[in-house]
Amino acid sequence: MMPWFRERFGNPSSDHFFGREAKEQLEFSRAEVATLIGAKADEIVLTGSASEANNLAILGTTQELGRSNPSLVISAVEHPSVLQPSLRRKEEGWGSASSPGRFLRSCRPSGG
C-alpha cells in the first residue's frame, strides 16, 4: 500500500490512467478485506473517517430497520458523531434512551 501513500495519487473516481489504476487497487483491497472477515466485497464500505463511519452506521442501519424497531439506546458519553445522528432520529420520532457512562463500565458480556 505504501506506493499509494507516497507515489501514486490517482483519484479512483477519475477516468484517467491514474484514477483507473487507483480504482483497481481500491477494489482489490476491498476484496481482500472482505475475504479476511468472510464478507462479500460489495458489503465493504470504506469511509474517510471514523465520524463518517459512525454516521453511516447509525443512519444507514436505522433507515434499513424503518419503523419495525424504532428505538435507540446510546451512552451519555458518546462522541458527537454518534450523538448527532441519534438526535436526528429522535427528532424523526424514534425512541431514544441514554445510559450513564458509569453503566457502561459495569456491563459484562453474556455467555461463555
PDB file of N, CA and C in Angstrom:
ATOM      1  N   MET A   1       0.804  -1.206   0.000  1.00  0.00           N
ATOM      2  CA  MET A   1       0.000   0.000   0.000  1.00  0.00           C
ATOM      3  C   MET A   1       0.846   1.269   0.000  1.00  0.00           C
ATOM      4  N   MET A   2       2.101   1.166   0.409  1.00  0.00           N
ATOM      5  CA  MET A   2       2.918   2.376   0.533  1.00  0.00           C
ATOM      6  C   MET A   2       2.996   3.200  -0.758  1.00  0.00           C
ATOM      7  N   PRO A   3       3.092   2.593  -1.933  1.00  0.00           N
ATOM      8  CA  PRO A   3       3.122   3.439  -3.133  1.00  0.00           C
ATOM      9  C   PRO A   3       1.887   4.341  -3.254  1.00  0.00           C
ATOM     10  N   TRP A   4       0.765   3.887  -2.721  1.00  0.00           N
ATOM     11  CA  TRP A   4      -0.473   4.668  -2.824  1.00  0.00           C
ATOM     12  C   TRP A   4      -0.474   5.834  -1.842  1.00  0.00           C
ATOM     13  N   PHE A   5       0.404   5.792  -0.867  1.00  0.00           N
ATOM     14  CA  PHE A   5       0.531   6.899   0.071  1.00  0.00           C
ATOM     15  C   PHE A   5       1.647   7.869  -0.336  1.00  0.00           C
ATOM     16  N   ARG A   6       2.596   7.399  -1.139  1.00  0.00           N
ATOM     17  CA  ARG A   6       3.784   8.210  -1.425  1.00  0.00           C
ATOM     18  C   ARG A   6       3.957   8.606  -2.887  1.00  0.00           C
ATOM     19  N   GLU A   7       3.588   7.734  -3.825  1.00  0.00           N
ATOM     20  CA  GLU A   7       3.929   7.968  -5.231  1.00  0.00           C
ATOM     21  C   GLU A   7       2.715   8.077  -6.145  1.00  0.00           C
ATOM     22  N   ARG A   8       1.705   7.334  -5.882  1.00  0.00           N
ATOM     23  CA  ARG A   8       0.549   7.267  -6.775  1.00  0.00           C
ATOM     24  C   ARG A   8      -0.613   8.002  -6.123  1.00  0.00           C
ATOM     25  N   PHE A   9      -1.092   9.020  -6.793  1.00  0.00           N
ATOM     26  CA  PHE A   9      -2.103   9.867  -6.188  1.00  0.00           C
ATOM     27  C   PHE A   9      -3.377   9.960  -7.015  1.00  0.00           C
ATOM     28  N   GLY A  10      -3.707   8.933  -7.745  1.00  0.00           N
ATOM     29  CA  GLY A  10      -4.903   8.968  -8.582  1.00  0.00           C
ATOM     30  C   GLY A  10      -6.178   8.901  -7.765  1.00  0.00           C
ATOM     31  N   ASN A  11      -7.170   9.626  -8.211  1.00  0.00           N
ATOM     32  CA  ASN A  11      -8.498   9.596  -7.592  1.00  0.00           C
ATOM     33  C   ASN A  11      -9.273   8.444  -8.223  1.00  0.00           C
ATOM     34  N   PRO A  12      -9.704   7.451  -7.435  1.00  0.00           N
ATOM     35  CA  PRO A  12     -10.373   6.289  -8.016  1.00  0.00           C
ATOM     36  C   PRO A  12     -11.699   6.619  -8.703  1.00  0.00           C
ATOM     37  N   SER A  13     -12.190   7.820  -8.535  1.00  0.00           N
ATOM     38  CA  SER A  13     -13.414   8.234  -9.225  1.00  0.00           C
ATOM     39  C   SER A  13     -13.115   8.903 -10.567  1.00  0.00           C
ATOM     40  N   SER A  14     -11.838   9.121 -10.857  1.00  0.00           N
ATOM     41  CA  SER A  14     -11.452   9.773 -12.118  1.00  0.00           C
ATOM     42  C   SER A  14     -11.263   8.739 -13.219  1.00  0.00           C
ATOM     43  N   ASP A  15     -11.473   9.171 -14.463  1.00  0.00           N
ATOM     44  CA  ASP A  15     -11.403   8.245 -15.591  1.00  0.00           C
ATOM     45  C   ASP A  15     -10.049   8.271 -16.306  1.00  0.00           C
ATOM     46  N   HIS A  16      -9.063   8.982 -15.789  1.00  0.00           N
ATOM     47  CA  HIS A  16      -7.753   8.973 -16.417  1.00  0.00           C
ATOM     48  C   HIS A  16      -6.958   7.763 -15.919  1.00  0.00           C
ATOM     49  N   PHE A  17      -5.782   7.570 -16.484  1.00  0.00           N
ATOM     50  CA  PHE A  17      -4.970   6.397 -16.170  1.00  0.00           C
ATOM     51  C   PHE A  17      -4.747   6.225 -14.674  1.00  0.00           C
ATOM     52  N   PHE A  18      -4.315   7.298 -14.001  1.00  0.00           N
ATOM     53  CA  PHE A  18      -4.006   7.188 -12.568  1.00  0.00           C
ATOM     54  C   PHE A  18      -5.260   6.882 -11.750  1.00  0.00           C
ATOM     55  N   GLY A  19      -6.384   7.415 -12.172  1.00  0.00           N
ATOM     56  CA  GLY A  19      -7.638   7.140 -11.480  1.00  0.00           C
ATOM     57  C   GLY A  19      -8.069   5.692 -11.653  1.00  0.00           C
ATOM     58  N   ARG A  20      -7.953   5.195 -12.871  1.00  0.00           N
ATOM     59  CA  ARG A  20      -8.324   3.790 -13.121  1.00  0.00           C
ATOM     60  C   ARG A  20      -7.407   2.847 -12.333  1.00  0.00           C
ATOM     61  N   GLU A  21      -6.119   3.191 -12.293  1.00  0.00           N
ATOM     62  CA  GLU A  21      -5.160   2.389 -11.533  1.00  0.00           C
ATOM     63  C   GLU A  21      -5.519   2.389 -10.038  1.00  0.00           C
ATOM     64  N   ALA A  22      -5.868   3.563  -9.515  1.00  0.00           N
ATOM     65  CA  ALA A  22      -6.250   3.662  -8.101  1.00  0.00           C
ATOM     66  C   ALA A  22      -7.526   2.878  -7.825  1.00  0.00           C
ATOM     67  N   LYS A  23      -8.487   2.949  -8.742  1.00  0.00           N
ATOM     68  CA  LYS A  23      -9.745   2.221  -8.549  1.00  0.00           C
ATOM     69  C   LYS A  23      -9.500   0.714  -8.548  1.00  0.00           C
ATOM     70  N   GLU A  24      -8.635   0.267  -9.426  1.00  0.00           N
ATOM     71  CA  GLU A  24      -8.298  -1.160  -9.468  1.00  0.00           C
ATOM     72  C   GLU A  24      -7.708  -1.616  -8.138  1.00  0.00           C
ATOM     73  N   GLN A  25      -6.786  -0.839  -7.590  1.00  0.00           N
ATOM     74  CA  GLN A  25      -6.166  -1.180  -6.303  1.00  0.00           C
ATOM     75  C   GLN A  25      -7.194  -1.118  -5.174  1.00  0.00           C
ATOM     76  N   LEU A  26      -8.064  -0.120  -5.213  1.00  0.00           N
ATOM     77  CA  LEU A  26      -9.097   0.020  -4.188  1.00  0.00           C
ATOM     78  C   LEU A  26     -10.013  -1.202  -4.181  1.00  0.00           C
ATOM     79  N   GLU A  27     -10.441  -1.638  -5.358  1.00  0.00           N
ATOM     80  CA  GLU A  27     -11.324  -2.806  -5.436  1.00  0.00           C
ATOM     81  C   GLU A  27     -10.601  -4.080  -5.009  1.00  0.00           C
ATOM     82  N   PHE A  28      -9.321  -4.187  -5.324  1.00  0.00           N
ATOM     83  CA  PHE A  28      -8.521  -5.325  -4.865  1.00  0.00           C
ATOM     84  C   PHE A  28      -8.466  -5.338  -3.342  1.00  0.00           C
ATOM     85  N   SER A  29      -8.203  -4.185  -2.752  1.00  0.00           N
ATOM     86  CA  SER A  29      -8.127  -4.081  -1.287  1.00  0.00           C
ATOM     87  C   SER A  29      -9.465  -4.385  -0.637  1.00  0.00           C
ATOM     88  N   ARG A  30     -10.543  -3.897  -1.232  1.00  0.00           N
ATOM     89  CA  ARG A  30     -11.883  -4.174  -0.713  1.00  0.00           C
ATOM     90  C   ARG A  30     -12.141  -5.684  -0.701  1.00  0.00           C
ATOM     91  N   ALA A  31     -11.755  -6.362  -1.775  1.00  0.00           N
ATOM     92  CA  ALA A  31     -11.942  -7.817  -1.851  1.00  0.00           C
ATOM     93  C   ALA A  31     -11.096  -8.538  -0.809  1.00  0.00           C
ATOM     94  N   GLU A  32      -9.872  -8.050  -0.584  1.00  0.00           N
ATOM     95  CA  GLU A  32      -9.011  -8.659   0.440  1.00  0.00           C
ATOM     96  C   GLU A  32      -9.624  -8.540   1.835  1.00  0.00           C
ATOM     97  N   VAL A  33     -10.122  -7.351   2.167  1.00  0.00           N
ATOM     98  CA  VAL A  33     -10.756  -7.143   3.477  1.00  0.00           C
ATOM     99  C   VAL A  33     -11.978  -8.058   3.605  1.00  0.00           C
ATOM    100  N   ALA A  34     -12.764  -8.131   2.553  1.00  0.00           N
ATOM    101  CA  ALA A  34     -13.955  -8.989   2.583  1.00  0.00           C
ATOM    102  C   ALA A  34     -13.574 -10.443   2.848  1.00  0.00           C
ATOM    103  N   THR A  35     -12.556 -10.913   2.180  1.00  0.00           N
ATOM    104  CA  THR A  35     -12.102 -12.290   2.378  1.00  0.00           C
ATOM    105  C   THR A  35     -11.655 -12.524   3.816  1.00  0.00           C
ATOM    106  N   LEU A  36     -10.948 -11.568   4.381  1.00  0.00           N
ATOM    107  CA  LEU A  36     -10.455 -11.706   5.753  1.00  0.00           C
ATOM    108  C   LEU A  36     -11.571 -11.848   6.781  1.00  0.00           C
ATOM    109  N   ILE A  37     -12.715 -11.194   6.531  1.00  0.00           N
ATOM    110  CA  ILE A  37     -13.798 -11.235   7.523  1.00  0.00           C
ATOM    111  C   ILE A  37     -15.009 -12.056   7.069  1.00  0.00           C
ATOM    112  N   GLY A  38     -14.871 -12.767   5.957  1.00  0.00           N
ATOM    113  CA  GLY A  38     -15.950 -13.624   5.493  1.00  0.00           C
ATOM    114  C   GLY A  38     -17.135 -12.857   4.933  1.00  0.00           C
ATOM    115  N   ALA A  39     -16.881 -11.746   4.279  1.00  0.00           N
ATOM    116  CA  ALA A  39     -17.944 -10.927   3.696  1.00  0.00           C
ATOM    117  C   ALA A  39     -17.794 -10.915   2.178  1.00  0.00           C
ATOM    118  N   LYS A  40     -18.735 -10.271   1.520  1.00  0.00           N
ATOM    119  CA  LYS A  40     -18.651 -10.036   0.078  1.00  0.00           C
ATOM    120  C   LYS A  40     -18.025  -8.662  -0.129  1.00  0.00           C
ATOM    121  N   ALA A  41     -17.304  -8.505  -1.214  1.00  0.00           N
ATOM    122  CA  ALA A  41     -16.627  -7.233  -1.489  1.00  0.00           C
ATOM    123  C   ALA A  41     -17.612  -6.067  -1.517  1.00  0.00           C
ATOM    124  N   ASP A  42     -18.809  -6.294  -2.041  1.00  0.00           N
ATOM    125  CA  ASP A  42     -19.776  -5.182  -2.118  1.00  0.00           C
ATOM    126  C   ASP A  42     -20.405  -4.847  -0.765  1.00  0.00           C
ATOM    127  N   GLU A  43     -20.063  -5.619   0.266  1.00  0.00           N
ATOM    128  CA  GLU A  43     -20.535  -5.313   1.618  1.00  0.00           C
ATOM    129  C   GLU A  43     -19.526  -4.457   2.391  1.00  0.00           C
ATOM    130  N   ILE A  44     -18.369  -4.234   1.821  1.00  0.00           N
ATOM    131  CA  ILE A  44     -17.319  -3.446   2.476  1.00  0.00           C
ATOM    132  C   ILE A  44     -17.469  -1.988   2.057  1.00  0.00           C
ATOM    133  N   VAL A  45     -17.678  -1.130   3.041  1.00  0.00           N
ATOM    134  CA  VAL A  45     -17.809   0.300   2.788  1.00  0.00           C
ATOM    135  C   VAL A  45     -16.610   0.997   3.414  1.00  0.00           C
ATOM    136  N   LEU A  46     -15.881   1.711   2.608  1.00  0.00           N
ATOM    137  CA  LEU A  46     -14.715   2.441   3.089  1.00  0.00           C
ATOM    138  C   LEU A  46     -15.102   3.909   3.255  1.00  0.00           C
ATOM    139  N   THR A  47     -14.742   4.486   4.389  1.00  0.00           N
ATOM    140  CA  THR A  47     -15.072   5.882   4.659  1.00  0.00           C
ATOM    141  C   THR A  47     -13.794   6.674   4.907  1.00  0.00           C
ATOM    142  N   GLY A  48     -13.939   7.987   4.923  1.00  0.00           N
ATOM    143  CA  GLY A  48     -12.797   8.854   5.119  1.00  0.00           C
ATOM    144  C   GLY A  48     -12.439   9.092   6.569  1.00  0.00           C
ATOM    145  N   SER A  49     -13.328   8.698   7.484  1.00  0.00           N
ATOM    146  CA  SER A  49     -13.058   8.943   8.904  1.00  0.00           C
ATOM    147  C   SER A  49     -13.980   8.080   9.762  1.00  0.00           C
ATOM    148  N   ALA A  50     -13.639   7.989  11.038  1.00  0.00           N
ATOM    149  CA  ALA A  50     -14.489   7.261  11.979  1.00  0.00           C
ATOM    150  C   ALA A  50     -15.827   7.981  12.158  1.00  0.00           C
ATOM    151  N   SER A  51     -15.802   9.316  12.131  1.00  0.00           N
ATOM    152  CA  SER A  51     -17.059  10.072  12.274  1.00  0.00           C
ATOM    153  C   SER A  51     -18.012   9.753  11.127  1.00  0.00           C
ATOM    154  N   GLU A  52     -17.481   9.713   9.915  1.00  0.00           N
ATOM    155  CA  GLU A  52     -18.304   9.367   8.758  1.00  0.00           C
ATOM    156  C   GLU A  52     -18.836   7.940   8.888  1.00  0.00           C
ATOM    157  N   ALA A  53     -17.999   7.033   9.365  1.00  0.00           N
ATOM    158  CA  ALA A  53     -18.419   5.642   9.538  1.00  0.00           C
ATOM    159  C   ALA A  53     -19.525   5.528  10.594  1.00  0.00           C
ATOM    160  N   ASN A  54     -19.390   6.257  11.708  1.00  0.00           N
ATOM    161  CA  ASN A  54     -20.428   6.236  12.748  1.00  0.00           C
ATOM    162  C   ASN A  54     -21.752   6.748  12.212  1.00  0.00           C
ATOM    163  N   ASN A  55     -21.718   7.885  11.512  1.00  0.00           N
ATOM    164  CA  ASN A  55     -22.935   8.442  10.928  1.00  0.00           C
ATOM    165  C   ASN A  55     -23.579   7.449   9.969  1.00  0.00           C
ATOM    166  N   LEU A  56     -22.774   6.884   9.086  1.00  0.00           N
ATOM    167  CA  LEU A  56     -23.286   5.937   8.108  1.00  0.00           C
ATOM    168  C   LEU A  56     -23.882   4.705   8.784  1.00  0.00           C
ATOM    169  N   ALA A  57     -23.214   4.205   9.818  1.00  0.00           N
ATOM    170  CA  ALA A  57     -23.706   3.017  10.518  1.00  0.00           C
ATOM    171  C   ALA A  57     -25.049   3.286  11.189  1.00  0.00           C
ATOM    172  N   ILE A  58     -25.162   4.409  11.883  1.00  0.00           N
ATOM    173  CA  ILE A  58     -26.396   4.699  12.609  1.00  0.00           C
ATOM    174  C   ILE A  58     -27.528   5.059  11.656  1.00  0.00           C
ATOM    175  N   LEU A  59     -27.282   6.001  10.760  1.00  0.00           N
ATOM    176  CA  LEU A  59     -28.345   6.428   9.851  1.00  0.00           C
ATOM    177  C   LEU A  59     -28.717   5.324   8.866  1.00  0.00           C
ATOM    178  N   GLY A  60     -27.717   4.590   8.376  1.00  0.00           N
ATOM    179  CA  GLY A  60     -27.995   3.508   7.435  1.00  0.00           C
ATOM    180  C   GLY A  60     -28.747   2.356   8.068  1.00  0.00           C
ATOM    181  N   THR A  61     -28.330   1.951   9.257  1.00  0.00           N
ATOM    182  CA  THR A  61     -28.993   0.844   9.939  1.00  0.00           C
ATOM    183  C   THR A  61     -30.422   1.202  10.321  1.00  0.00           C
ATOM    184  N   THR A  62     -30.605   2.398  10.848  1.00  0.00           N
ATOM    185  CA  THR A  62     -31.961   2.786  11.244  1.00  0.00           C
ATOM    186  C   THR A  62     -32.862   2.968  10.029  1.00  0.00           C
ATOM    187  N   GLN A  63     -32.303   3.422   8.927  1.00  0.00           N
ATOM    188  CA  GLN A  63     -33.109   3.530   7.705  1.00  0.00           C
ATOM    189  C   GLN A  63     -33.540   2.150   7.243  1.00  0.00           C
ATOM    190  N   GLU A  64     -32.626   1.194   7.315  1.00  0.00           N
ATOM    191  CA  GLU A  64     -32.928  -0.183   6.906  1.00  0.00           C
ATOM    192  C   GLU A  64     -34.000  -0.800   7.815  1.00  0.00           C
ATOM    193  N   LEU A  65     -33.912  -0.538   9.122  1.00  0.00           N
ATOM    194  CA  LEU A  65     -34.888  -1.079  10.067  1.00  0.00           C
ATOM    195  C   LEU A  65     -36.250  -0.428   9.898  1.00  0.00           C
ATOM    196  N   GLY A  66     -36.242   0.813   9.446  1.00  0.00           N
ATOM    197  CA  GLY A  66     -37.504   1.529   9.321  1.00  0.00           C
ATOM    198  C   GLY A  66     -38.164   1.663  10.670  1.00  0.00           C
ATOM    199  N   ARG A  67     -39.441   1.540  10.702  1.00  0.00           N
ATOM    200  CA  ARG A  67     -40.174   1.697  11.958  1.00  0.00           C
ATOM    201  C   ARG A  67     -40.439   0.359  12.646  1.00  0.00           C
ATOM    202  N   SER A  68     -39.795  -0.712  12.185  1.00  0.00           N
ATOM    203  CA  SER A  68     -40.022  -2.016  12.798  1.00  0.00           C
ATOM    204  C   SER A  68     -39.407  -2.113  14.189  1.00  0.00           C
ATOM    205  N   ASN A  69     -38.414  -1.301  14.463  1.00  0.00           N
ATOM    206  CA  ASN A  69     -37.741  -1.329  15.758  1.00  0.00           C
ATOM    207  C   ASN A  69     -37.280   0.094  16.078  1.00  0.00           C
ATOM    208  N   PRO A  70     -38.221   1.009  16.307  1.00  0.00           N
ATOM    209  CA  PRO A  70     -37.864   2.441  16.354  1.00  0.00           C
ATOM    210  C   PRO A  70     -37.322   2.947  17.685  1.00  0.00           C
ATOM    211  N   SER A  71     -36.273   2.329  18.212  1.00  0.00           N
ATOM    212  CA  SER A  71     -35.669   2.810  19.454  1.00  0.00           C
ATOM    213  C   SER A  71     -34.155   2.702  19.378  1.00  0.00           C
ATOM    214  N   LEU A  72     -33.495   3.685  19.966  1.00  0.00           N
ATOM    215  CA  LEU A  72     -32.043   3.685  20.053  1.00  0.00           C
ATOM    216  C   LEU A  72     -31.636   3.826  21.507  1.00  0.00           C
ATOM    217  N   VAL A  73     -30.594   3.120  21.898  1.00  0.00           N
ATOM    218  CA  VAL A  73     -30.007   3.286  23.229  1.00  0.00           C
ATOM    219  C   VAL A  73     -28.545   3.643  23.014  1.00  0.00           C
ATOM    220  N   ILE A  74     -28.146   4.787  23.544  1.00  0.00           N
ATOM    221  CA  ILE A  74     -26.767   5.228  23.393  1.00  0.00           C
ATOM    222  C   ILE A  74     -26.206   5.620  24.756  1.00  0.00           C
ATOM    223  N   SER A  75     -24.909   5.665  24.828  1.00  0.00           N
ATOM    224  CA  SER A  75     -24.233   6.089  26.049  1.00  0.00           C
ATOM    225  C   SER A  75     -24.253   7.607  26.144  1.00  0.00           C
ATOM    226  N   ALA A  76     -24.330   8.119  27.347  1.00  0.00           N
ATOM    227  CA  ALA A  76     -24.310   9.565  27.568  1.00  0.00           C
ATOM    228  C   ALA A  76     -22.938  10.166  27.267  1.00  0.00           C
ATOM    229  N   VAL A  77     -21.940   9.331  27.107  1.00  0.00           N
ATOM    230  CA  VAL A  77     -20.588   9.828  26.869  1.00  0.00           C
ATOM    231  C   VAL A  77     -20.118   9.553  25.433  1.00  0.00           C
ATOM    232  N   GLU A  78     -21.056   9.404  24.523  1.00  0.00           N
ATOM    233  CA  GLU A  78     -20.708   9.118  23.135  1.00  0.00           C
ATOM    234  C   GLU A  78     -20.080  10.314  22.445  1.00  0.00           C
ATOM    235  N   HIS A  79     -19.320  10.025  21.423  1.00  0.00           N
ATOM    236  CA  HIS A  79     -18.725  11.035  20.551  1.00  0.00           C
ATOM    237  C   HIS A  79     -19.846  11.738  19.775  1.00  0.00           C
ATOM    238  N   PRO A  80     -19.679  13.013  19.445  1.00  0.00           N
ATOM    239  CA  PRO A  80     -20.712  13.726  18.680  1.00  0.00           C
ATOM    240  C   PRO A  80     -21.120  13.021  17.379  1.00  0.00           C
ATOM    241  N   SER A  81     -20.213  12.257  16.789  1.00  0.00           N
ATOM    242  CA  SER A  81     -20.561  11.551  15.552  1.00  0.00           C
ATOM    243  C   SER A  81     -21.558  10.426  15.795  1.00  0.00           C
ATOM    244  N   VAL A  82     -21.758  10.043  17.036  1.00  0.00           N
ATOM    245  CA  VAL A  82     -22.794   9.083  17.407  1.00  0.00           C
ATOM    246  C   VAL A  82     -24.020   9.836  17.920  1.00  0.00           C
ATOM    247  N   LEU A  83     -23.783  10.860  18.717  1.00  0.00           N
ATOM    248  CA  LEU A  83     -24.904  11.622  19.294  1.00  0.00           C
ATOM    249  C   LEU A  83     -25.735  12.329  18.236  1.00  0.00           C
ATOM    250  N   GLN A  84     -25.097  12.988  17.284  1.00  0.00           N
ATOM    251  CA  GLN A  84     -25.835  13.793  16.312  1.00  0.00           C
ATOM    252  C   GLN A  84     -26.800  12.974  15.448  1.00  0.00           C
ATOM    253  N   PRO A  85     -26.372  11.862  14.840  1.00  0.00           N
ATOM    254  CA  PRO A  85     -27.355  11.089  14.066  1.00  0.00           C
ATOM    255  C   PRO A  85     -28.438  10.476  14.960  1.00  0.00           C
ATOM    256  N   SER A  86     -28.097  10.188  16.206  1.00  0.00           N
ATOM    257  CA  SER A  86     -29.097   9.657  17.137  1.00  0.00           C
ATOM    258  C   SER A  86     -30.140  10.726  17.456  1.00  0.00           C
ATOM    259  N   LEU A  87     -29.673  11.961  17.656  1.00  0.00           N
ATOM    260  CA  LEU A  87     -30.610  13.068  17.895  1.00  0.00           C
ATOM    261  C   LEU A  87     -31.479  13.322  16.669  1.00  0.00           C
ATOM    262  N   ARG A  88     -30.895  13.168  15.503  1.00  0.00           N
ATOM    263  CA  ARG A  88     -31.683  13.328  14.269  1.00  0.00           C
ATOM    264  C   ARG A  88     -32.814  12.310  14.231  1.00  0.00           C
ATOM    265  N   ARG A  89     -32.503  11.069  14.540  1.00  0.00           N
ATOM    266  CA  ARG A  89     -33.552  10.036  14.538  1.00  0.00           C
ATOM    267  C   ARG A  89     -34.601  10.338  15.610  1.00  0.00           C
ATOM    268  N   LYS A  90     -34.163  10.845  16.758  1.00  0.00           N
ATOM    269  CA  LYS A  90     -35.109  11.206  17.817  1.00  0.00           C
ATOM    270  C   LYS A  90     -36.077  12.279  17.314  1.00  0.00           C
ATOM    271  N   GLU A  91     -35.570  13.276  16.584  1.00  0.00           N
ATOM    272  CA  GLU A  91     -36.418  14.321  16.012  1.00  0.00           C
ATOM    273  C   GLU A  91     -37.397  13.757  14.995  1.00  0.00           C
ATOM    274  N   GLU A  92     -37.043  12.645  14.380  1.00  0.00           N
ATOM    275  CA  GLU A  92     -37.899  11.986  13.393  1.00  0.00           C
ATOM    276  C   GLU A  92     -38.892  11.017  14.036  1.00  0.00           C
ATOM    277  N   GLY A  93     -38.902  10.975  15.373  1.00  0.00           N
ATOM    278  CA  GLY A  93     -39.884  10.151  16.060  1.00  0.00           C
ATOM    279  C   GLY A  93     -39.372   8.851  16.634  1.00  0.00           C
ATOM    280  N   TRP A  94     -38.092   8.585  16.497  1.00  0.00           N
ATOM    281  CA  TRP A  94     -37.541   7.377  17.092  1.00  0.00           C
ATOM    282  C   TRP A  94     -37.455   7.542  18.600  1.00  0.00           C
ATOM    283  N   GLY A  95     -37.678   6.470  19.322  1.00  0.00           N
ATOM    284  CA  GLY A  95     -37.463   6.489  20.758  1.00  0.00           C
ATOM    285  C   GLY A  95     -35.968   6.543  21.020  1.00  0.00           C
ATOM    286  N   SER A  96     -35.589   7.160  22.115  1.00  0.00           N
ATOM    287  CA  SER A  96     -34.169   7.291  22.415  1.00  0.00           C
ATOM    288  C   SER A  96     -33.957   7.199  23.916  1.00  0.00           C
ATOM    289  N   ALA A  97     -32.997   6.415  24.314  1.00  0.00           N
ATOM    290  CA  ALA A  97     -32.626   6.316  25.725  1.00  0.00           C
ATOM    291  C   ALA A  97     -31.122   6.500  25.823  1.00  0.00           C
ATOM    292  N   SER A  98     -30.696   7.086  26.905  1.00  0.00           N
ATOM    293  CA  SER A  98     -29.278   7.329  27.115  1.00  0.00           C
ATOM    294  C   SER A  98     -28.870   6.687  28.435  1.00  0.00           C
ATOM    295  N   SER A  99     -27.811   5.875  28.371  1.00  0.00           N
ATOM    296  CA  SER A  99     -27.328   5.248  29.596  1.00  0.00           C
ATOM    297  C   SER A  99     -26.170   6.075  30.147  1.00  0.00           C
ATOM    298  N   PRO A 100     -26.064   6.197  31.452  1.00  0.00           N
ATOM    299  CA  PRO A 100     -24.946   6.957  32.035  1.00  0.00           C
ATOM    300  C   PRO A 100     -23.622   6.240  31.789  1.00  0.00           C
ATOM    301  N   GLY A 101     -22.549   6.994  31.737  1.00  0.00           N
ATOM    302  CA  GLY A 101     -21.231   6.424  31.478  1.00  0.00           C
ATOM    303  C   GLY A 101     -20.835   5.348  32.468  1.00  0.00           C
ATOM    304  N   ARG A 102     -21.200   5.506  33.740  1.00  0.00           N
ATOM    305  CA  ARG A 102     -20.806   4.506  34.742  1.00  0.00           C
ATOM    306  C   ARG A 102     -21.471   3.160  34.473  1.00  0.00           C
ATOM    307  N   PHE A 103     -22.638   3.171  33.830  1.00  0.00           N
ATOM    308  CA  PHE A 103     -23.329   1.931  33.480  1.00  0.00           C
ATOM    309  C   PHE A 103     -22.462   1.094  32.540  1.00  0.00           C
ATOM    310  N   LEU A 104     -21.813   1.750  31.612  1.00  0.00           N
ATOM    311  CA  LEU A 104     -21.013   1.030  30.629  1.00  0.00           C
ATOM    312  C   LEU A 104     -19.857   0.286  31.272  1.00  0.00           C
ATOM    313  N   ARG A 105     -19.275   0.846  32.292  1.00  0.00           N
ATOM    314  CA  ARG A 105     -18.147   0.181  32.954  1.00  0.00           C
ATOM    315  C   ARG A 105     -18.594  -1.089  33.683  1.00  0.00           C
ATOM    316  N   SER A 106     -19.856  -1.159  34.034  1.00  0.00           N
ATOM    317  CA  SER A 106     -20.304  -2.304  34.811  1.00  0.00           C
ATOM    318  C   SER A 106     -20.922  -3.401  33.937  1.00  0.00           C
ATOM    319  N   CYS A 107     -21.045  -3.180  32.646  1.00  0.00           N
ATOM    320  CA  CYS A 107     -21.627  -4.179  31.748  1.00  0.00           C
ATOM    321  C   CYS A 107     -20.662  -5.328  31.520  1.00  0.00           C
ATOM    322  N   ARG A 108     -21.166  -6.511  31.490  1.00  0.00           N
ATOM    323  CA  ARG A 108     -20.371  -7.698  31.188  1.00  0.00           C
ATOM    324  C   ARG A 108     -21.066  -8.443  30.046  1.00  0.00           C
ATOM    325  N   PRO A 109     -20.298  -8.932  29.070  1.00  0.00           N
ATOM    326  CA  PRO A 109     -20.924  -9.708  28.005  1.00  0.00           C
ATOM    327  C   PRO A 109     -21.541 -10.980  28.564  1.00  0.00           C
ATOM    328  N   SER A 110     -22.652 -11.378  27.979  1.00  0.00           N
ATOM    329  CA  SER A 110     -23.288 -12.619  28.424  1.00  0.00           C
ATOM    330  C   SER A 110     -22.637 -13.793  27.709  1.00  0.00           C
ATOM    331  N   GLY A 111     -22.839 -14.946  28.253  1.00  0.00           N
ATOM    332  CA  GLY A 111     -22.309 -16.161  27.625  1.00  0.00           C
ATOM    333  C   GLY A 111     -20.919 -16.506  28.107  1.00  0.00           C
ATOM    334  N   GLY A 112     -20.324 -17.472  27.408  1.00  0.00           N
ATOM    335  CA  GLY A 112     -19.055 -18.072  27.710  1.00  0.00           C
ATOM    336  C   GLY A 112     -18.003 -17.196  28.188  1.00  0.00           C
TER     337      GLY A 112
END
